PDB file of N, CA and C in Angstrom:
ATOM      1  N   MET A   1      69.337  66.220 117.305  1.00  0.00           N
ATOM      2  CA  MET A   1      67.845  66.938 117.211  1.00  0.00           C
ATOM      3  C   MET A   1      67.054  65.683 117.621  1.00  0.00           C
ATOM      4  N   ARG A   2      67.187  64.320 117.427  1.00  0.00           N
ATOM      5  CA  ARG A   2      66.464  63.244 117.847  1.00  0.00           C
ATOM      6  C   ARG A   2      66.534  63.017 119.556  1.00  0.00           C
ATOM      7  N   GLN A   3      67.617  63.544 120.059  1.00  0.00           N
ATOM      8  CA  GLN A   3      67.709  63.745 121.572  1.00  0.00           C
ATOM      9  C   GLN A   3      66.389  64.761 121.975  1.00  0.00           C
ATOM     10  N   ALA A   4      66.203  65.766 121.530  1.00  0.00           N
ATOM     11  CA  ALA A   4      65.446  66.884 121.542  1.00  0.00           C
ATOM     12  C   ALA A   4      64.194  66.555 121.227  1.00  0.00           C
ATOM     13  N   LEU A   5      63.960  65.800 120.349  1.00  0.00           N
ATOM     14  CA  LEU A   5      62.443  65.568 119.839  1.00  0.00           C
ATOM     15  C   LEU A   5      62.144  64.302 120.820  1.00  0.00           C
ATOM     16  N   ASP A   6      62.792  63.864 121.224  1.00  0.00           N
ATOM     17  CA  ASP A   6      62.259  62.558 122.555  1.00  0.00           C
ATOM     18  C   ASP A   6      62.380  62.923 123.989  1.00  0.00           C
ATOM     19  N   GLY A   7      62.797  64.138 123.991  1.00  0.00           N
ATOM     20  CA  GLY A   7      62.820  64.836 125.028  1.00  0.00           C
ATOM     21  C   GLY A   7      64.033  64.365 126.058  1.00  0.00           C
ATOM     22  N   ALA A   8      64.812  63.638 125.509  1.00  0.00           N
ATOM     23  CA  ALA A   8      66.392  63.760 126.377  1.00  0.00           C
ATOM     24  C   ALA A   8      67.189  64.279 126.397  1.00  0.00           C
ATOM     25  N   PRO A   9      68.332  64.188 127.100  1.00  0.00           N
ATOM     26  CA  PRO A   9      69.326  65.289 127.329  1.00  0.00           C
ATOM     27  C   PRO A   9      69.889  65.177 125.940  1.00  0.00           C
ATOM     28  N   LEU A  10      70.412  66.292 125.559  1.00  0.00           N
ATOM     29  CA  LEU A  10      71.701  66.524 124.578  1.00  0.00           C
ATOM     30  C   LEU A  10      72.718  66.281 124.928  1.00  0.00           C
ATOM     31  N   THR A  11      73.441  65.548 124.178  1.00  0.00           N
ATOM     32  CA  THR A  11      74.784  65.337 124.347  1.00  0.00           C
ATOM     33  C   THR A  11      75.576  66.310 123.724  1.00  0.00           C
ATOM     34  N   VAL A  12      76.305  66.971 124.686  1.00  0.00           N
ATOM     35  CA  VAL A  12      77.419  68.011 124.207  1.00  0.00           C
ATOM     36  C   VAL A  12      78.665  67.515 124.433  1.00  0.00           C
ATOM     37  N   ARG A  13      79.699  67.108 123.509  1.00  0.00           N
ATOM     38  CA  ARG A  13      81.082  66.965 123.814  1.00  0.00           C
ATOM     39  C   ARG A  13      81.918  68.161 124.732  1.00  0.00           C
ATOM     40  N   ALA A  14      82.658  67.772 125.757  1.00  0.00           N
ATOM     41  CA  ALA A  14      83.484  68.849 126.551  1.00  0.00           C
ATOM     42  C   ALA A  14      82.787  70.013 127.100  1.00  0.00           C
ATOM     43  N   ASP A  15      83.075  70.941 126.660  1.00  0.00           N
ATOM     44  CA  ASP A  15      82.329  72.206 127.444  1.00  0.00           C
ATOM     45  C   ASP A  15      81.344  73.035 126.120  1.00  0.00           C
ATOM     46  N   GLY A  16      81.386  72.414 125.096  1.00  0.00           N
ATOM     47  CA  GLY A  16      80.675  72.905 124.020  1.00  0.00           C
ATOM     48  C   GLY A  16      80.984  74.456 123.242  1.00  0.00           C
ATOM     49  N   ARG A  17      82.344  74.673 123.707  1.00  0.00           N
ATOM     50  CA  ARG A  17      82.608  76.187 123.404  1.00  0.00           C
ATOM     51  C   ARG A  17      83.224  75.991 121.836  1.00  0.00           C
ATOM     52  N   GLN A  18      83.680  74.745 121.555  1.00  0.00           N
ATOM     53  CA  GLN A  18      84.393  74.604 120.069  1.00  0.00           C
ATOM     54  C   GLN A  18      82.818  74.981 119.170  1.00  0.00           C
ATOM     55  N   THR A  19      84.086  75.526 118.051  1.00  0.00           N
ATOM     56  CA  THR A  19      82.723  76.419 117.080  1.00  0.00           C
ATOM     57  C   THR A  19      83.045  75.352 115.552  1.00  0.00           C
ATOM     58  N   ARG A  20      81.802  75.531 114.976  1.00  0.00           N
ATOM     59  CA  ARG A  20      81.825  74.467 113.798  1.00  0.00           C
ATOM     60  C   ARG A  20      80.867  75.325 112.716  1.00  0.00           C
ATOM     61  N   ALA A  21      81.103  75.761 111.415  1.00  0.00           N
ATOM     62  CA  ALA A  21      80.171  75.899 110.201  1.00  0.00           C
ATOM     63  C   ALA A  21      79.907  75.008 109.509  1.00  0.00           C
ATOM     64  N   PHE A  22      78.279  74.831 109.539  1.00  0.00           N
ATOM     65  CA  PHE A  22      77.695  73.635 109.194  1.00  0.00           C
ATOM     66  C   PHE A  22      77.128  74.025 107.799  1.00  0.00           C
ATOM     67  N   THR A  23      77.385  73.194 106.579  1.00  0.00           N
ATOM     68  CA  THR A  23      76.817  73.651 105.314  1.00  0.00           C
ATOM     69  C   THR A  23      75.327  72.744 105.094  1.00  0.00           C
ATOM     70  N   ASP A  24      74.465  73.287 104.564  1.00  0.00           N
ATOM     71  CA  ASP A  24      73.153  72.704 104.463  1.00  0.00           C
ATOM     72  C   ASP A  24      73.353  72.024 103.223  1.00  0.00           C
ATOM     73  N   VAL A  25      73.106  70.658 103.292  1.00  0.00           N
ATOM     74  CA  VAL A  25      73.290  69.713 102.325  1.00  0.00           C
ATOM     75  C   VAL A  25      72.515  70.213 100.854  1.00  0.00           C
ATOM     76  N   SER A  26      71.730  70.900 100.984  1.00  0.00           N
ATOM     77  CA  SER A  26      70.887  70.941  99.893  1.00  0.00           C
ATOM     78  C   SER A  26      71.755  72.170  98.988  1.00  0.00           C
ATOM     79  N   ASP A  27      72.353  73.179  99.879  1.00  0.00           N
ATOM     80  CA  ASP A  27      73.547  73.967  99.205  1.00  0.00           C
ATOM     81  C   ASP A  27      74.750  73.290  98.499  1.00  0.00           C
ATOM     82  N   ALA A  28      75.043  72.349  99.221  1.00  0.00           N
ATOM     83  CA  ALA A  28      76.181  71.890  98.727  1.00  0.00           C
ATOM     84  C   ALA A  28      75.994  70.763  97.326  1.00  0.00           C
ATOM     85  N   VAL A  29      74.847  70.153  97.475  1.00  0.00           N
ATOM     86  CA  VAL A  29      74.146  69.476  96.180  1.00  0.00           C
ATOM     87  C   VAL A  29      73.783  70.365  95.005  1.00  0.00           C
ATOM     88  N   ALA A  30      73.315  71.616  95.410  1.00  0.00           N
ATOM     89  CA  ALA A  30      73.112  72.686  94.165  1.00  0.00           C
ATOM     90  C   ALA A  30      74.239  73.398  93.909  1.00  0.00           C
ATOM     91  N   ALA A  31      75.651  73.529  94.578  1.00  0.00           N
ATOM     92  CA  ALA A  31      76.419  74.246  94.096  1.00  0.00           C
ATOM     93  C   ALA A  31      77.543  73.204  93.346  1.00  0.00           C
ATOM     94  N   THR A  32      77.517  71.838  93.750  1.00  0.00           N
ATOM     95  CA  THR A  32      78.283  70.878  92.930  1.00  0.00           C
ATOM     96  C   THR A  32      77.229  70.645  91.429  1.00  0.00           C
ATOM     97  N   ILE A  33      76.052  70.497  91.330  1.00  0.00           N
ATOM     98  CA  ILE A  33      75.502  70.447  90.317  1.00  0.00           C
ATOM     99  C   ILE A  33      75.749  71.416  89.359  1.00  0.00           C
ATOM    100  N   ALA A  34      75.642  72.699  89.885  1.00  0.00           N
ATOM    101  CA  ALA A  34      75.797  73.873  88.894  1.00  0.00           C
ATOM    102  C   ALA A  34      77.540  73.849  88.763  1.00  0.00           C
ATOM    103  N   LEU A  35      78.476  73.685  89.535  1.00  0.00           N
ATOM    104  CA  LEU A  35      79.608  73.275  89.171  1.00  0.00           C
ATOM    105  C   LEU A  35      80.088  72.294  88.097  1.00  0.00           C
ATOM    106  N   SER A  36      79.296  71.346  87.802  1.00  0.00           N
ATOM    107  CA  SER A  36      79.502  70.166  87.163  1.00  0.00           C
ATOM    108  C   SER A  36      79.012  70.641  85.597  1.00  0.00           C
ATOM    109  N   GLN A  37      78.276  71.742  85.836  1.00  0.00           N
ATOM    110  CA  GLN A  37      77.431  72.157  84.471  1.00  0.00           C
ATOM    111  C   GLN A  37      78.225  73.134  83.852  1.00  0.00           C
ATOM    112  N   SER A  38      79.383  73.770  84.567  1.00  0.00           N
ATOM    113  CA  SER A  38      80.040  74.834  83.778  1.00  0.00           C
ATOM    114  C   SER A  38      81.342  74.525  83.465  1.00  0.00           C
ATOM    115  N   MET A  39      81.412  74.793  82.434  1.00  0.00           N
ATOM    116  CA  MET A  39      83.085  74.704  81.760  1.00  0.00           C
ATOM    117  C   MET A  39      84.336  75.339  82.179  1.00  0.00           C
ATOM    118  N   ALA A  40      83.621  76.620  82.807  1.00  0.00           N
ATOM    119  CA  ALA A  40      84.623  77.414  83.594  1.00  0.00           C
ATOM    120  C   ALA A  40      85.324  76.825  84.861  1.00  0.00           C
ATOM    121  N   ALA A  41      84.164  76.062  85.339  1.00  0.00           N
ATOM    122  CA  ALA A  41      84.937  75.239  86.572  1.00  0.00           C
ATOM    123  C   ALA A  41      85.856  74.088  86.292  1.00  0.00           C
ATOM    124  N   LEU A  42      85.870  73.738  85.254  1.00  0.00           N
ATOM    125  CA  LEU A  42      86.738  72.447  84.861  1.00  0.00           C
ATOM    126  C   LEU A  42      87.906  72.652  85.389  1.00  0.00           C
ATOM    127  N   GLY A  43      88.601  71.828  86.092  1.00  0.00           N
ATOM    128  CA  GLY A  43      89.981  71.769  86.441  1.00  0.00           C
ATOM    129  C   GLY A  43      89.872  72.869  87.582  1.00  0.00           C
ATOM    130  N   GLU A  44      89.284  73.491  88.047  1.00  0.00           N
ATOM    131  CA  GLU A  44      89.178  74.465  89.186  1.00  0.00           C
ATOM    132  C   GLU A  44      88.727  73.664  90.659  1.00  0.00           C
ATOM    133  N   ILE A  45      89.410  74.544  91.912  1.00  0.00           N
ATOM    134  CA  ILE A  45      89.095  74.008  92.961  1.00  0.00           C
ATOM    135  C   ILE A  45      87.983  74.913  93.578  1.00  0.00           C
ATOM    136  N   PHE A  46      86.766  74.320  94.210  1.00  0.00           N
ATOM    137  CA  PHE A  46      86.043  75.071  94.947  1.00  0.00           C
ATOM    138  C   PHE A  46      85.468  74.964  96.195  1.00  0.00           C
ATOM    139  N   ASN A  47      85.562  75.854  97.272  1.00  0.00           N
ATOM    140  CA  ASN A  47      85.069  75.358  98.458  1.00  0.00           C
ATOM    141  C   ASN A  47      83.605  75.681  98.942  1.00  0.00           C
ATOM    142  N   VAL A  48      82.885  74.847  98.960  1.00  0.00           N
ATOM    143  CA  VAL A  48      81.621  74.879  99.219  1.00  0.00           C
ATOM    144  C   VAL A  48      81.106  74.874 100.760  1.00  0.00           C
ATOM    145  N   ALA A  49      80.757  76.180 101.333  1.00  0.00           N
ATOM    146  CA  ALA A  49      80.755  75.754 102.887  1.00  0.00           C
ATOM    147  C   ALA A  49      79.887  77.160 103.183  1.00  0.00           C
ATOM    148  N   ALA A  50      79.522  76.800 104.603  1.00  0.00           N
ATOM    149  CA  ALA A  50      78.813  77.954 105.154  1.00  0.00           C
ATOM    150  C   ALA A  50      79.564  78.757 105.914  1.00  0.00           C
ATOM    151  N   SER A  51      79.614  80.388 106.077  1.00  0.00           N
ATOM    152  CA  SER A  51      79.987  81.032 106.396  1.00  0.00           C
ATOM    153  C   SER A  51      79.431  81.526 108.352  1.00  0.00           C
ATOM    154  N   GLU A  52      78.509  80.969 108.464  1.00  0.00           N
ATOM    155  CA  GLU A  52      77.826  81.257 109.866  1.00  0.00           C
ATOM    156  C   GLU A  52      78.619  80.341 110.871  1.00  0.00           C
ATOM    157  N   GLU A  53      79.465  80.693 111.778  1.00  0.00           N
ATOM    158  CA  GLU A  53      80.099  79.737 112.672  1.00  0.00           C
ATOM    159  C   GLU A  53      79.420  79.864 114.170  1.00  0.00           C
ATOM    160  N   ILE A  54      79.108  78.473 114.786  1.00  0.00           N
ATOM    161  CA  ILE A  54      78.450  78.579 116.003  1.00  0.00           C
ATOM    162  C   ILE A  54      78.890  77.733 117.032  1.00  0.00           C
ATOM    163  N   MET A  55      78.847  77.985 118.104  1.00  0.00           N
ATOM    164  CA  MET A  55      79.500  77.498 119.128  1.00  0.00           C
ATOM    165  C   MET A  55      78.435  76.218 119.266  1.00  0.00           C
ATOM    166  N   ILE A  56      78.978  74.870 119.667  1.00  0.00           N
ATOM    167  CA  ILE A  56      78.179  73.746 119.761  1.00  0.00           C
ATOM    168  C   ILE A  56      77.028  73.998 120.883  1.00  0.00           C
ATOM    169  N   ILE A  57      77.412  74.350 122.043  1.00  0.00           N
ATOM    170  CA  ILE A  57      76.622  74.627 122.970  1.00  0.00           C
ATOM    171  C   ILE A  57      75.352  75.575 122.660  1.00  0.00           C
ATOM    172  N   GLU A  58      75.875  76.498 121.807  1.00  0.00           N
ATOM    173  CA  GLU A  58      74.887  77.251 121.466  1.00  0.00           C
ATOM    174  C   GLU A  58      73.644  76.974 120.291  1.00  0.00           C
ATOM    175  N   LEU A  59      74.231  75.657 119.424  1.00  0.00           N
ATOM    176  CA  LEU A  59      73.358  75.253 118.726  1.00  0.00           C
ATOM    177  C   LEU A  59      72.695  74.198 119.436  1.00  0.00           C
ATOM    178  N   ALA A  60      73.397  73.449 120.508  1.00  0.00           N
ATOM    179  CA  ALA A  60      72.353  72.750 121.294  1.00  0.00           C
ATOM    180  C   ALA A  60      70.922  73.424 121.779  1.00  0.00           C
ATOM    181  N   ARG A  61      71.245  74.765 122.467  1.00  0.00           N
ATOM    182  CA  ARG A  61      70.250  75.516 122.881  1.00  0.00           C
ATOM    183  C   ARG A  61      69.348  75.835 121.904  1.00  0.00           C
ATOM    184  N   ARG A  62      69.666  75.906 120.320  1.00  0.00           N
ATOM    185  CA  ARG A  62      68.854  76.326 119.490  1.00  0.00           C
ATOM    186  C   ARG A  62      67.922  75.161 119.097  1.00  0.00           C
ATOM    187  N   ILE A  63      68.683  74.081 119.178  1.00  0.00           N
ATOM    188  CA  ILE A  63      68.090  72.839 119.022  1.00  0.00           C
ATOM    189  C   ILE A  63      66.624  72.748 119.763  1.00  0.00           C
ATOM    190  N   ILE A  64      67.023  72.725 121.121  1.00  0.00           N
ATOM    191  CA  ILE A  64      66.055  72.662 122.044  1.00  0.00           C
ATOM    192  C   ILE A  64      64.724  73.756 121.944  1.00  0.00           C
ATOM    193  N   ARG A  65      65.246  74.978 121.672  1.00  0.00           N
ATOM    194  CA  ARG A  65      64.442  75.752 121.553  1.00  0.00           C
ATOM    195  C   ARG A  65      63.551  75.661 120.032  1.00  0.00           C
ATOM    196  N   LEU A  66      64.094  75.348 119.182  1.00  0.00           N
ATOM    197  CA  LEU A  66      63.369  75.053 118.091  1.00  0.00           C
ATOM    198  C   LEU A  66      62.611  73.790 117.847  1.00  0.00           C
ATOM    199  N   ALA A  67      62.942  72.658 118.723  1.00  0.00           N
ATOM    200  CA  ALA A  67      62.056  71.828 118.753  1.00  0.00           C
ATOM    201  C   ALA A  67      60.759  71.925 120.052  1.00  0.00           C
ATOM    202  N   ALA A  68      61.158  73.029 120.562  1.00  0.00           N
ATOM    203  CA  ALA A  68      60.162  73.201 122.046  1.00  0.00           C
ATOM    204  C   ALA A  68      60.411  72.032 123.051  1.00  0.00           C
ATOM    205  N   SER A  69      61.463  71.655 123.103  1.00  0.00           N
ATOM    206  CA  SER A  69      61.668  70.781 123.845  1.00  0.00           C
ATOM    207  C   SER A  69      62.047  71.010 125.159  1.00  0.00           C
ATOM    208  N   GLY A  70      61.798  70.086 126.340  1.00  0.00           N
ATOM    209  CA  GLY A  70      62.200  70.400 127.636  1.00  0.00           C
ATOM    210  C   GLY A  70      63.565  69.630 127.835  1.00  0.00           C
ATOM    211  N   SER A  71      64.371  69.411 126.971  1.00  0.00           N
ATOM    212  CA  SER A  71      65.562  68.820 127.122  1.00  0.00           C
ATOM    213  C   SER A  71      66.403  69.586 127.874  1.00  0.00           C
ATOM    214  N   SER A  72      67.418  68.997 128.902  1.00  0.00           N
ATOM    215  CA  SER A  72      68.382  69.490 129.314  1.00  0.00           C
ATOM    216  C   SER A  72      69.529  69.399 128.579  1.00  0.00           C
ATOM    217  N   ILE A  73      70.857  69.576 128.910  1.00  0.00           N
ATOM    218  CA  ILE A  73      72.198  69.570 127.846  1.00  0.00           C
ATOM    219  C   ILE A  73      73.264  68.984 128.878  1.00  0.00           C
ATOM    220  N   THR A  74      73.664  67.749 128.488  1.00  0.00           N
ATOM    221  CA  THR A  74      74.515  66.992 129.193  1.00  0.00           C
ATOM    222  C   THR A  74      75.976  67.041 128.541  1.00  0.00           C
ATOM    223  N   HIS A  75      77.218  67.336 129.365  1.00  0.00           N
ATOM    224  CA  HIS A  75      78.427  67.535 128.924  1.00  0.00           C
ATOM    225  C   HIS A  75      79.173  66.629 129.163  1.00  0.00           C
ATOM    226  N   VAL A  76      79.663  65.644 128.079  1.00  0.00           N
ATOM    227  CA  VAL A  76      80.377  64.691 128.153  1.00  0.00           C
ATOM    228  C   VAL A  76      81.837  64.819 127.779  1.00  0.00           C
ATOM    229  N   PRO A  77      82.694  64.742 128.499  1.00  0.00           N
ATOM    230  CA  PRO A  77      84.269  64.784 128.218  1.00  0.00           C
ATOM    231  C   PRO A  77      84.852  63.850 127.073  1.00  0.00           C
ATOM    232  N   TYR A  78      85.698  64.663 126.366  1.00  0.00           N
ATOM    233  CA  TYR A  78      86.092  63.850 125.422  1.00  0.00           C
ATOM    234  C   TYR A  78      86.674  62.492 125.437  1.00  0.00           C
ATOM    235  N   GLU A  79      87.388  62.380 126.650  1.00  0.00           N
ATOM    236  CA  GLU A  79      88.104  61.265 127.184  1.00  0.00           C
ATOM    237  C   GLU A  79      86.978  59.867 127.220  1.00  0.00           C
ATOM    238  N   LYS A  80      85.852  60.534 127.882  1.00  0.00           N
ATOM    239  CA  LYS A  80      84.563  59.554 127.925  1.00  0.00           C
ATOM    240  C   LYS A  80      84.134  59.138 126.715  1.00  0.00           C
ATOM    241  N   ALA A  81      84.166  59.778 125.694  1.00  0.00           N
ATOM    242  CA  ALA A  81      83.167  59.435 124.535  1.00  0.00           C
ATOM    243  C   ALA A  81      84.254  58.858 123.521  1.00  0.00           C
ATOM    244  N   TYR A  82      85.565  59.411 123.749  1.00  0.00           N
ATOM    245  CA  TYR A  82      86.334  58.788 122.707  1.00  0.00           C
ATOM    246  C   TYR A  82      87.901  57.994 123.067  1.00  0.00           C
ATOM    247  N   GLY A  83      88.167  58.131 124.240  1.00  0.00           N
ATOM    248  CA  GLY A  83      88.959  57.625 124.937  1.00  0.00           C
ATOM    249  C   GLY A  83      90.213  58.333 125.310  1.00  0.00           C
ATOM    250  N   PRO A  84      91.131  57.741 125.870  1.00  0.00           N
ATOM    251  CA  PRO A  84      92.253  58.913 126.282  1.00  0.00           C
ATOM    252  C   PRO A  84      93.089  59.326 125.287  1.00  0.00           C
ATOM    253  N   GLY A  85      93.350  60.520 125.172  1.00  0.00           N
ATOM    254  CA  GLY A  85      94.231  60.825 124.134  1.00  0.00           C
ATOM    255  C   GLY A  85      93.760  61.740 122.963  1.00  0.00           C
ATOM    256  N   PHE A  86      92.127  61.793 123.010  1.00  0.00           N
ATOM    257  CA  PHE A  86      91.662  62.207 121.883  1.00  0.00           C
ATOM    258  C   PHE A  86      91.856  63.788 122.083  1.00  0.00           C
ATOM    259  N   GLU A  87      91.924  64.613 120.779  1.00  0.00           N
ATOM    260  CA  GLU A  87      92.508  65.814 120.792  1.00  0.00           C
ATOM    261  C   GLU A  87      91.176  66.314 119.742  1.00  0.00           C
ATOM    262  N   ASP A  88      90.369  67.585 119.810  1.00  0.00           N
ATOM    263  CA  ASP A  88      89.813  68.186 118.982  1.00  0.00           C
ATOM    264  C   ASP A  88      90.024  69.245 118.546  1.00  0.00           C
ATOM    265  N   VAL A  89      89.595  69.700 117.336  1.00  0.00           N
ATOM    266  CA  VAL A  89      89.971  71.528 116.785  1.00  0.00           C
ATOM    267  C   VAL A  89      89.070  72.067 117.467  1.00  0.00           C
ATOM    268  N   ARG A  90      89.549  73.157 118.123  1.00  0.00           N
ATOM    269  CA  ARG A  90      88.494  74.042 118.877  1.00  0.00           C
ATOM    270  C   ARG A  90      87.778  74.981 118.097  1.00  0.00           C
ATOM    271  N   ARG A  91      88.126  75.204 116.633  1.00  0.00           N
ATOM    272  CA  ARG A  91      87.479  75.961 115.727  1.00  0.00           C
ATOM    273  C   ARG A  91      87.707  75.379 114.486  1.00  0.00           C
ATOM    274  N   ARG A  92      86.674  74.995 113.838  1.00  0.00           N
ATOM    275  CA  ARG A  92      86.420  73.999 112.445  1.00  0.00           C
ATOM    276  C   ARG A  92      85.426  75.140 111.322  1.00  0.00           C
ATOM    277  N   VAL A  93      86.365  75.684 110.893  1.00  0.00           N
ATOM    278  CA  VAL A  93      85.398  76.771 110.025  1.00  0.00           C
ATOM    279  C   VAL A  93      86.268  76.783 108.742  1.00  0.00           C
ATOM    280  N   ILE A  94      85.886  76.368 107.510  1.00  0.00           N
ATOM    281  CA  ILE A  94      86.571  76.347 106.423  1.00  0.00           C
ATOM    282  C   ILE A  94      86.705  78.059 105.966  1.00  0.00           C
ATOM    283  N   SER A  95      87.655  78.274 105.102  1.00  0.00           N
ATOM    284  CA  SER A  95      88.127  79.591 104.815  1.00  0.00           C
ATOM    285  C   SER A  95      87.554  79.753 103.075  1.00  0.00           C
ATOM    286  N   LEU A  96      86.631  80.831 103.207  1.00  0.00           N
ATOM    287  CA  LEU A  96      86.119  81.303 101.784  1.00  0.00           C
ATOM    288  C   LEU A  96      86.964  82.082 100.883  1.00  0.00           C
ATOM    289  N   ARG A  97      87.925  82.529 101.459  1.00  0.00           N
ATOM    290  CA  ARG A  97      88.815  83.247 100.623  1.00  0.00           C
ATOM    291  C   ARG A  97      89.087  83.166  99.387  1.00  0.00           C
TER     292      ARG A  97
END
């Protein structure tokens, strides 16, 4: 977001086709508070997550659009960003089943 607001190129690792589901921190906090106040939740396990999956390249485009930015997108290979041998998970989305 900072890059878009500054008009700088947005950095996207690799081809940007990796997907993620991002949870809004306010949703996570609200769920944590609600669960901490529920006796039925005691000793149970809960996944608090978003279900909307997005490709990182699409997220970058959305950020540019929402920021009304003239930023371009720069792809940086994983090797350059993290060093040789780095492996990323192509799809990182929590199971809500």
